[in-house]
Amino acid sequence: MGMLAVLEEFIKRSDEFLKNLAEEKNFETYFVNSNLAILCLSAIYGATMGLYAGGLQIFYSAVKVPMLLLISLYLTVPSYYVLYSLLGGKRTLRQTMILLLSGFTIMATVLLAFVPVNLFFIITTTRSVEAHSFTALLNIAIFVLGGFFALIYFIKGAKVLYQETTEKWRPAFIIGSLILMFIGTQLAWVLRPFFNYYQFFIRPLESNFYTAVLTLLVRSAGPTGALVAVAGLVFLGLVFYSELMQSKK
């Protein structure tokens, strides 16, 4: 199987992939092609982000988005594996890694699917402080949506991998997902800018991700808009929790 075949299996034949995952089949193929897919698809999305500023920022963002996804993934794998094992999980480190890789591949695919949307707003929006705030929030929203679908995919896979431990894997999954979220957001903040007019790779550290997002929300949509955005995040969290708590079918 090549990269496109693996992508198609993850998306259209996930039951077949999860069966192979449980039986530890085709691991080398999944590992290589998942990493390639994450690298290529997220680089395309990153280049799209960089078009907002143009110049070197196109190259910088094309490099930094794959870095963001892959570093976050490999920093989080040990947390998931150790927590699962402590709560009775019998699966191997390789199975945990391939499961997380598949979820990140789904996230990279979602990012690619939103490239036309991102391009449309970049091309049709004039450059201003307000436009920059909107562009930043749009990209954050796309990443949140991609991460949401990745987590849903993790849940589906975890139910198959850890079915012998019934409910015990769920606390480990929640803690591991929170660790992943905080690592990912902090790394995104460290690697910025992604589409600003700064011709250097990384800006000096200042403030933090959550303060910056809140400032962008208030600047772009006012306090009411910020509350609506927070309510949307809460809704996604409730959907995620509901999916996590559903009994295995």
Protein backbone atom coordinates (compact mmCIF):
# COMPACT_ATOMS: atom_id res chain seq x y z
CA MET A 1 0.00 0.00 0.00
CA GLY A 2 1.14 3.51 -0.81
CA MET A 3 0.33 6.74 1.00
CA LEU A 4 -2.94 7.31 -0.86
CA ALA A 5 -4.05 3.72 -0.29
CA VAL A 6 -3.41 4.05 3.44
CA LEU A 7 -5.34 7.32 3.51
CA GLU A 8 -8.27 5.69 1.76
CA GLU A 9 -8.21 2.77 4.21
CA PHE A 10 -8.23 5.12 7.22
CA ILE A 11 -11.15 7.11 5.83
CA LYS A 12 -13.29 4.56 3.97
CA ARG A 13 -12.29 1.21 5.46
CA SER A 14 -11.50 2.05 9.05
CA ASP A 15 -12.89 -1.27 10.31
CA GLU A 16 -10.32 -3.11 8.17
CA PHE A 17 -7.53 -0.89 9.51
CA LEU A 18 -8.59 -1.37 13.13
CA LYS A 19 -8.75 -5.14 12.62
CA ASN A 20 -5.18 -5.07 11.30
CA LEU A 21 -4.18 -2.83 14.19
CA ALA A 22 -5.58 -5.26 16.76
CA GLU A 23 -3.83 -8.17 15.02
CA GLU A 24 -0.56 -6.22 14.56
CA LYS A 25 -0.54 -6.46 10.76
CA ASN A 26 1.03 -4.09 8.19
CA PHE A 27 2.62 -1.93 10.91
CA GLU A 28 5.62 -0.88 8.81
CA THR A 29 3.36 0.19 5.96
CA TYR A 30 1.05 2.16 8.25
CA PHE A 31 3.97 3.79 10.07
CA VAL A 32 5.85 4.97 6.97
CA ASN A 33 2.82 6.11 4.98
CA SER A 34 1.09 7.82 7.92
CA ASN A 35 4.20 9.90 8.58
CA LEU A 36 4.47 10.73 4.88
CA ALA A 37 0.80 11.71 4.71
CA ILE A 38 1.05 13.96 7.77
CA LEU A 39 4.21 15.56 6.40
CA CYS A 40 2.87 16.19 2.88
CA LEU A 41 -0.73 17.17 3.64
CA SER A 42 0.10 19.48 6.54
CA ALA A 43 2.93 21.09 4.51
CA ILE A 44 0.42 21.98 1.80
CA TYR A 45 -1.88 23.52 4.39
CA GLY A 46 1.05 25.35 6.00
CA ALA A 47 2.08 26.83 2.65
CA THR A 48 -1.48 28.08 2.25
CA MET A 49 -1.26 29.84 5.62
CA GLY A 50 2.03 31.43 4.57
CA LEU A 51 0.45 32.90 1.44
CA TYR A 52 -1.19 35.53 3.64
CA ALA A 53 2.19 37.20 4.13
CA GLY A 54 4.01 35.74 1.13
CA GLY A 55 7.75 35.51 0.68
CA LEU A 56 9.69 33.31 3.06
CA GLN A 57 6.62 32.88 5.26
CA ILE A 58 5.23 30.40 2.69
CA PHE A 59 8.27 28.17 3.17
CA TYR A 60 8.41 28.73 6.93
CA SER A 61 4.77 27.77 7.48
CA ALA A 62 5.08 24.75 5.16
CA VAL A 63 7.88 23.50 7.43
CA LYS A 64 6.35 24.47 10.77
CA VAL A 65 2.89 22.88 10.45
CA PRO A 66 4.32 19.35 9.92
CA MET A 67 6.72 20.05 12.79
CA LEU A 68 3.77 21.04 14.97
CA LEU A 69 1.83 17.83 14.27
CA LEU A 70 4.69 15.34 14.36
CA ILE A 71 6.46 16.74 17.44
CA SER A 72 3.15 16.91 19.34
CA LEU A 73 2.42 13.32 18.34
CA TYR A 74 5.75 11.82 19.39
CA LEU A 75 5.90 13.77 22.65
CA THR A 76 2.47 12.41 23.59
CA VAL A 77 2.83 8.72 22.62
CA PRO A 78 4.64 7.75 25.87
CA SER A 79 1.93 9.40 28.02
CA TYR A 80 -0.88 7.50 26.30
CA TYR A 81 0.98 4.19 26.44
CA VAL A 82 2.06 4.39 30.09
CA LEU A 83 -1.37 5.54 31.29
CA TYR A 84 -3.14 2.79 29.34
CA SER A 85 -0.73 0.17 30.69
CA LEU A 86 -1.16 1.32 34.30
CA LEU A 87 -4.93 0.95 33.93
CA GLY A 88 -4.73 -2.60 32.61
CA GLY A 89 -4.12 -2.17 28.90
CA LYS A 90 -2.33 -5.13 27.29
CA ARG A 91 -1.55 -3.58 23.91
CA THR A 92 1.95 -2.78 22.69
CA LEU A 93 3.69 0.56 22.26
CA ARG A 94 3.64 0.02 18.48
CA GLN A 95 -0.15 -0.36 18.49
CA THR A 96 -0.56 2.83 20.50
CA MET A 97 1.76 4.71 18.15
CA ILE A 98 -0.01 3.52 14.99
CA LEU A 99 -3.39 4.43 16.49
CA LEU A 100 -2.21 7.99 17.26
CA LEU A 101 -0.56 8.24 13.83
CA SER A 102 -3.84 7.30 12.17
CA GLY A 103 -5.66 10.02 14.09
CA PHE A 104 -3.08 12.65 13.14
CA THR A 105 -3.35 11.49 9.53
CA ILE A 106 -7.09 12.14 9.72
CA MET A 107 -6.34 15.61 11.13
CA ALA A 108 -3.91 16.35 8.29
CA THR A 109 -6.55 15.21 5.80
CA VAL A 110 -9.11 17.58 7.33
CA LEU A 111 -6.57 20.41 7.08
CA LEU A 112 -6.06 19.63 3.39
CA ALA A 113 -9.83 19.61 2.83
CA PHE A 114 -9.99 23.20 4.13
CA VAL A 115 -7.19 24.53 1.90
CA PRO A 116 -9.71 25.94 -0.66
CA VAL A 117 -11.64 27.70 2.12
CA ASN A 118 -8.46 29.21 3.54
CA LEU A 119 -7.29 30.27 0.09
CA PHE A 120 -10.65 31.87 -0.66
CA PHE A 121 -10.53 34.13 2.40
CA ILE A 122 -6.85 34.96 1.94
CA ILE A 123 -7.42 36.00 -1.69
CA THR A 124 -10.67 37.93 -1.10
CA THR A 125 -9.71 39.72 2.14
CA THR A 126 -7.86 43.04 2.29
CA ARG A 127 -4.84 43.26 4.59
CA SER A 128 -5.67 45.00 7.88
CA VAL A 129 -5.57 44.40 11.63
CA GLU A 130 -9.16 43.15 11.54
CA ALA A 131 -8.46 40.88 8.57
CA HIS A 132 -5.40 39.45 10.32
CA SER A 133 -7.46 38.67 13.43
CA PHE A 134 -10.11 36.96 11.31
CA THR A 135 -7.51 34.94 9.38
CA ALA A 136 -5.84 33.82 12.60
CA LEU A 137 -9.15 32.76 14.16
CA LEU A 138 -10.22 30.98 10.96
CA ASN A 139 -7.06 28.89 10.97
CA ILE A 140 -7.37 28.16 14.69
CA ALA A 141 -10.96 27.00 14.09
CA ILE A 142 -9.81 24.71 11.25
CA PHE A 143 -7.13 23.19 13.49
CA VAL A 144 -9.68 22.70 16.28
CA LEU A 145 -12.02 20.94 13.85
CA GLY A 146 -9.20 18.73 12.56
CA GLY A 147 -8.20 17.89 16.13
CA PHE A 148 -11.80 17.06 17.01
CA PHE A 149 -12.05 14.51 14.18
CA ALA A 150 -8.66 13.07 15.19
CA LEU A 151 -9.91 12.53 18.75
CA ILE A 152 -13.10 10.88 17.52
CA TYR A 153 -10.92 8.53 15.46
CA PHE A 154 -8.77 7.83 18.54
CA ILE A 155 -11.90 6.88 20.47
CA LYS A 156 -13.05 4.46 17.78
CA GLY A 157 -9.65 2.80 17.71
CA ALA A 158 -9.28 2.71 21.50
CA LYS A 159 -12.62 0.91 21.83
CA VAL A 160 -11.24 -1.82 19.58
CA LEU A 161 -7.76 -2.00 21.10
CA TYR A 162 -8.78 -1.83 24.74
CA GLN A 163 -12.10 -3.62 24.71
CA GLU A 164 -10.82 -6.21 27.20
CA THR A 165 -10.35 -3.48 29.83
CA THR A 166 -13.96 -2.20 29.49
CA GLU A 167 -14.12 1.30 31.03
CA LYS A 168 -10.57 1.46 32.41
CA TRP A 169 -8.98 2.97 29.30
CA ARG A 170 -11.24 6.03 29.31
CA PRO A 171 -9.52 8.00 32.13
CA ALA A 172 -6.16 7.38 30.46
CA PHE A 173 -7.57 8.58 27.16
CA ILE A 174 -8.94 11.80 28.70
CA ILE A 175 -5.66 12.60 30.48
CA GLY A 176 -3.59 11.74 27.40
CA SER A 177 -5.82 13.91 25.21
CA LEU A 178 -5.46 16.86 27.59
CA ILE A 179 -1.68 16.44 27.56
CA LEU A 180 -1.77 16.37 23.76
CA MET A 181 -3.92 19.50 23.63
CA PHE A 182 -1.65 21.52 25.91
CA ILE A 183 1.53 20.36 24.16
CA GLY A 184 0.05 21.13 20.75
CA THR A 185 -1.19 24.61 21.64
CA GLN A 186 2.03 25.55 23.43
CA LEU A 187 4.13 24.29 20.53
CA ALA A 188 1.96 26.21 18.07
CA TRP A 189 2.61 29.35 20.14
CA VAL A 190 6.36 28.68 20.24
CA LEU A 191 6.53 28.14 16.46
CA ARG A 192 4.59 31.27 15.50
CA PRO A 193 4.28 33.22 13.25
CA PHE A 194 2.47 31.16 10.64
CA PHE A 195 1.05 33.96 8.49
CA ASN A 196 2.24 37.28 9.95
CA TYR A 197 4.48 39.71 8.08
CA TYR A 198 7.58 38.69 10.04
CA GLN A 199 10.46 37.43 7.93
CA PHE A 200 11.97 35.17 10.55
CA PHE A 201 11.30 31.60 11.57
CA ILE A 202 10.21 32.01 15.22
CA ARG A 203 9.19 35.12 17.14
CA PRO A 204 10.51 35.81 20.65
CA LEU A 205 8.29 34.27 23.32
CA GLU A 206 5.64 36.51 24.87
CA SER A 207 2.27 36.11 26.57
CA ASN A 208 0.70 32.66 25.90
CA PHE A 209 -1.57 30.92 23.41
CA TYR A 210 -4.81 31.24 25.37
CA THR A 211 -4.40 34.93 26.17
CA ALA A 212 -3.60 35.63 22.53
CA VAL A 213 -6.67 33.74 21.27
CA LEU A 214 -8.94 35.54 23.72
CA THR A 215 -7.49 38.88 22.60
CA LEU A 216 -8.08 37.98 18.94
CA LEU A 217 -11.67 36.94 19.69
CA VAL A 218 -12.47 40.18 21.49
CA ARG A 219 -10.74 42.29 18.83
CA SER A 220 -12.45 40.49 15.94
CA ALA A 221 -15.95 39.79 17.28
CA GLY A 222 -16.27 41.67 20.56
CA PRO A 223 -17.16 40.14 23.94
CA THR A 224 -20.34 38.58 22.56
CA GLY A 225 -18.46 36.87 19.75
CA ALA A 226 -15.88 35.59 22.21
CA LEU A 227 -18.64 34.07 24.35
CA VAL A 228 -20.19 32.42 21.28
CA ALA A 229 -16.81 30.93 20.35
CA VAL A 230 -16.30 29.61 23.88
CA ALA A 231 -19.81 28.13 23.80
CA GLY A 232 -18.91 26.40 20.51
CA LEU A 233 -15.83 24.87 22.11
CA VAL A 234 -17.90 23.67 25.06
CA PHE A 235 -20.36 22.09 22.63
CA LEU A 236 -17.55 20.23 20.83
CA GLY A 237 -16.27 19.10 24.21
CA LEU A 238 -19.69 17.72 25.14
CA VAL A 239 -19.95 15.88 21.81
CA PHE A 240 -16.49 14.42 22.37
CA TYR A 241 -17.37 13.36 25.93
CA SER A 242 -20.64 11.80 24.79
CA GLU A 243 -18.83 9.82 22.10
CA LEU A 244 -16.22 8.72 24.63
CA MET A 245 -18.80 7.52 27.14
CA GLN A 246 -20.90 5.54 24.69
CA SER A 247 -20.90 1.81 25.23
CA LYS A 248 -18.92 -0.25 22.76
CA LYS A 249 -21.11 -1.57 19.98
